[in-house]
C-alpha atoms as a PDB file:
ATOM      1  CA  MET A   1    -118.805  77.329-134.406  1.00  0.00           C
ATOM      2  CA  GLN A   2    -118.697  75.342-131.147  1.00  0.00           C
ATOM      3  CA  ARG A   3    -120.177  72.329-132.892  1.00  0.00           C
ATOM      4  CA  ARG A   4    -117.291  72.419-135.364  1.00  0.00           C
ATOM      5  CA  ARG A   5    -114.863  72.591-132.439  1.00  0.00           C
ATOM      6  CA  VAL A   6    -116.504  69.588-130.768  1.00  0.00           C
ATOM      7  CA  SER A   7    -116.447  67.652-134.033  1.00  0.00           C
ATOM      8  CA  ALA A   8    -112.750  68.452-134.490  1.00  0.00           C
ATOM      9  CA  LEU A   9    -111.958  67.407-130.913  1.00  0.00           C
ATOM     10  CA  ALA A  10    -113.900  64.172-131.389  1.00  0.00           C
ATOM     11  CA  ARG A  11    -111.886  63.384-134.525  1.00  0.00           C
ATOM     12  CA  GLN A  12    -108.654  64.136-132.669  1.00  0.00           C
ATOM     13  CA  ILE A  13    -109.666  61.857-129.788  1.00  0.00           C
ATOM     14  CA  LEU A  14    -110.346  58.974-132.164  1.00  0.00           C
ATOM     15  CA  ALA A  15    -107.047  59.577-133.959  1.00  0.00           C
ATOM     16  CA  GLY A  16    -105.105  59.790-130.691  1.00  0.00           C
ATOM     17  CA  GLU A  17    -103.933  63.308-131.532  1.00  0.00           C
ATOM     18  CA  VAL A  18    -104.965  64.970-128.250  1.00  0.00           C
ATOM     19  CA  ASP A  19    -104.853  64.136-124.599  1.00  0.00           C
ATOM     20  CA  ILE A  20    -108.197  62.441-124.067  1.00  0.00           C
ATOM     21  CA  PHE A  21    -108.705  64.021-120.667  1.00  0.00           C
ATOM     22  CA  ASP A  22    -108.023  67.573-121.865  1.00  0.00           C
ATOM     23  CA  ALA A  23    -110.360  67.047-124.830  1.00  0.00           C
ATOM     24  CA  CYS A  24    -113.102  65.641-122.597  1.00  0.00           C
ATOM     25  CA  TRP A  25    -112.768  68.659-120.294  1.00  0.00           C
ATOM     26  CA  GLU A  26    -113.100  70.988-123.257  1.00  0.00           C
ATOM     27  CA  ILE A  27    -116.103  69.204-124.758  1.00  0.00           C
ATOM     28  CA  ALA A  28    -117.830  68.974-121.370  1.00  0.00           C
ATOM     29  CA  GLY A  29    -117.226  72.687-120.898  1.00  0.00           C
ATOM     30  CA  LEU A  30    -118.782  73.484-124.258  1.00  0.00           C
ATOM     31  CA  ARG A  31    -121.935  71.463-123.688  1.00  0.00           C
ATOM     32  CA  THR A  32    -124.018  74.505-122.694  1.00  0.00           C
ATOM     33  CA  GLU A  33    -123.008  76.270-125.924  1.00  0.00           C
ATOM     34  CA  LEU A  34    -124.065  73.497-128.311  1.00  0.00           C
ATOM     35  CA  ASP A  35    -127.800  74.196-128.299  1.00  0.00           C
ATOM     36  CA  LEU A  36    -128.527  70.646-127.158  1.00  0.00           C
ATOM     37  CA  ASP A  37    -130.440  69.179-124.269  1.00  0.00           C
ATOM     38  CA  LEU A  38    -128.089  69.265-121.273  1.00  0.00           C
ATOM     39  CA  ASN A  39    -128.789  65.543-120.830  1.00  0.00           C
ATOM     40  CA  ASP A  40    -127.722  64.688-124.381  1.00  0.00           C
ATOM     41  CA  GLU A  41    -126.233  61.196-124.087  1.00  0.00           C
ATOM     42  CA  ASP A  42    -123.344  61.833-126.463  1.00  0.00           C
ATOM     43  CA  VAL A  43    -122.172  64.971-124.679  1.00  0.00           C
ATOM     44  CA  TRP A  44    -122.931  63.510-121.262  1.00  0.00           C
ATOM     45  CA  ALA A  45    -120.290  60.796-121.848  1.00  0.00           C
ATOM     46  CA  PHE A  46    -117.574  63.473-121.808  1.00  0.00           C
ATOM     47  CA  PHE A  47    -118.936  64.974-118.609  1.00  0.00           C
ATOM     48  CA  LEU A  48    -118.887  61.472-117.097  1.00  0.00           C
ATOM     49  CA  VAL A  49    -115.199  61.092-117.950  1.00  0.00           C
ATOM     50  CA  VAL A  50    -114.433  64.475-116.391  1.00  0.00           C
ATOM     51  CA  THR A  51    -116.247  63.726-113.152  1.00  0.00           C
ATOM     52  CA  ASP A  52    -114.827  60.219-112.838  1.00  0.00           C
ATOM     53  CA  THR A  53    -111.212  61.274-113.393  1.00  0.00           C
ATOM     54  CA  ASP A  54    -111.062  64.664-111.681  1.00  0.00           C
ATOM     55  CA  ALA A  55    -109.012  63.277-108.766  1.00  0.00           C
ATOM     56  CA  LEU A  56    -106.330  61.846-111.051  1.00  0.00           C
ATOM     57  CA  PRO A  57    -103.221  63.677-112.240  1.00  0.00           C
ATOM     58  CA  VAL A  58    -104.352  63.845-115.846  1.00  0.00           C
ATOM     59  CA  GLY A  59    -104.209  66.420-118.569  1.00  0.00           C
ATOM     60  CA  LEU A  60    -102.988  69.810-117.451  1.00  0.00           C
ATOM     61  CA  GLU A  61    -103.510  68.875-113.804  1.00  0.00           C
ATOM     62  CA  ALA A  62    -100.555  66.485-114.042  1.00  0.00           C
ATOM     63  CA  LEU A  63     -98.245  69.511-114.214  1.00  0.00           C
ATOM     64  CA  ASN A  64     -99.055  70.179-110.550  1.00  0.00           C
ATOM     65  CA  TRP A  65     -97.910  66.724-109.377  1.00  0.00           C
ATOM     66  CA  SER A  66     -94.418  65.548-108.455  1.00  0.00           C
ATOM     67  CA  GLU A  67     -92.644  62.975-110.618  1.00  0.00           C
ATOM     68  CA  GLU A  68     -92.822  60.483-107.753  1.00  0.00           C
ATOM     69  CA  ALA A  69     -96.567  60.918-107.308  1.00  0.00           C
ATOM     70  CA  LEU A  70     -97.124  60.663-111.059  1.00  0.00           C
ATOM     71  CA  ALA A  71     -95.159  57.420-111.165  1.00  0.00           C
ATOM     72  CA  ARG A  72     -97.273  55.936-108.359  1.00  0.00           C
ATOM     73  CA  LYS A  73    -100.504  56.915-110.096  1.00  0.00           C
ATOM     74  CA  GLU A  74     -99.414  55.830-113.597  1.00  0.00           C
ATOM     75  CA  PRO A  75    -101.136  52.391-113.554  1.00  0.00           C
ATOM     76  CA  GLU A  76    -104.397  53.981-112.439  1.00  0.00           C
ATOM     77  CA  VAL A  77    -104.087  56.748-115.040  1.00  0.00           C
ATOM     78  CA  ARG A  78    -103.371  54.189-117.770  1.00  0.00           C
ATOM     79  CA  ARG A  79    -106.523  52.240-116.857  1.00  0.00           C
ATOM     80  CA  ALA A  80    -108.509  55.490-116.738  1.00  0.00           C
ATOM     81  CA  ARG A  81    -107.291  56.481-120.220  1.00  0.00           C
ATOM     82  CA  GLU A  82    -108.428  53.166-121.639  1.00  0.00           C
ATOM     83  CA  TRP A  83    -111.797  53.433-119.869  1.00  0.00           C
ATOM     84  CA  ALA A  84    -112.219  57.058-121.020  1.00  0.00           C
ATOM     85  CA  PHE A  85    -111.504  56.174-124.636  1.00  0.00           C
ATOM     86  CA  ASN A  86    -113.956  53.270-124.543  1.00  0.00           C
ATOM     87  CA  THR A  87    -116.551  55.528-122.903  1.00  0.00           C
ATOM     88  CA  VAL A  88    -116.347  58.298-125.514  1.00  0.00           C
ATOM     89  CA  ARG A  89    -115.506  56.323-128.672  1.00  0.00           C
ATOM     90  CA  GLN A  90    -119.103  55.916-129.839  1.00  0.00           C
ATOM     91  CA  PRO A  91    -120.172  59.401-128.663  1.00  0.00           C
ATOM     92  CA  CYS A  92    -117.240  60.825-130.673  1.00  0.00           C
ATOM     93  CA  GLU A  93    -118.452  59.018-133.778  1.00  0.00           C
ATOM     94  CA  ASN A  94    -122.012  60.170-133.113  1.00  0.00           C
ATOM     95  CA  LEU A  95    -121.014  63.822-132.629  1.00  0.00           C
ATOM     96  CA  ILE A  96    -118.878  63.811-135.764  1.00  0.00           C
ATOM     97  CA  ALA A  97    -121.879  62.517-137.731  1.00  0.00           C
ATOM     98  CA  ARG A  98    -124.328  64.890-136.038  1.00  0.00           C
ATOM     99  CA  PHE A  99    -122.173  67.983-136.480  1.00  0.00           C
ATOM    100  CA  ALA A 100    -120.900  67.186-139.997  1.00  0.00           C
ATOM    101  CA  ASP A 101    -122.867  70.137-141.397  1.00  0.00           C
ATOM    102  CA  ALA A 102    -121.918  72.556-138.627  1.00  0.00           C
END
C-alpha cells in the first residue's frame, strides 16, 4: 500500500500537481515502510531534499513565516525548488517503474 502511495506521489511530483517539498517529506517519511534497503538510492534522493531544505520556509512550514520573511526568502526557495525537482526527477521515474505492480 505504501509503495502505491509513493508511486502516486512520484507521478504527482513529475506532473507538478503537489508541492515538491511536502511530497519529498512524505516519501522520506515512508522510506522505512517500503521494505527496501534504507540506503536505497531512489528513496535517499527524497531524504536528501528534506535535509537540504529543512531551514527554508517551504511546504507547510511556510505557514509559520511572515509575509515579509517569505518575500525575502523567495529567490532562495525558487532555486531550491528547481534543485529539488532536478534531484528527484529520475528517482521519481525509477520508483514509478519499480512500484508499477504494487
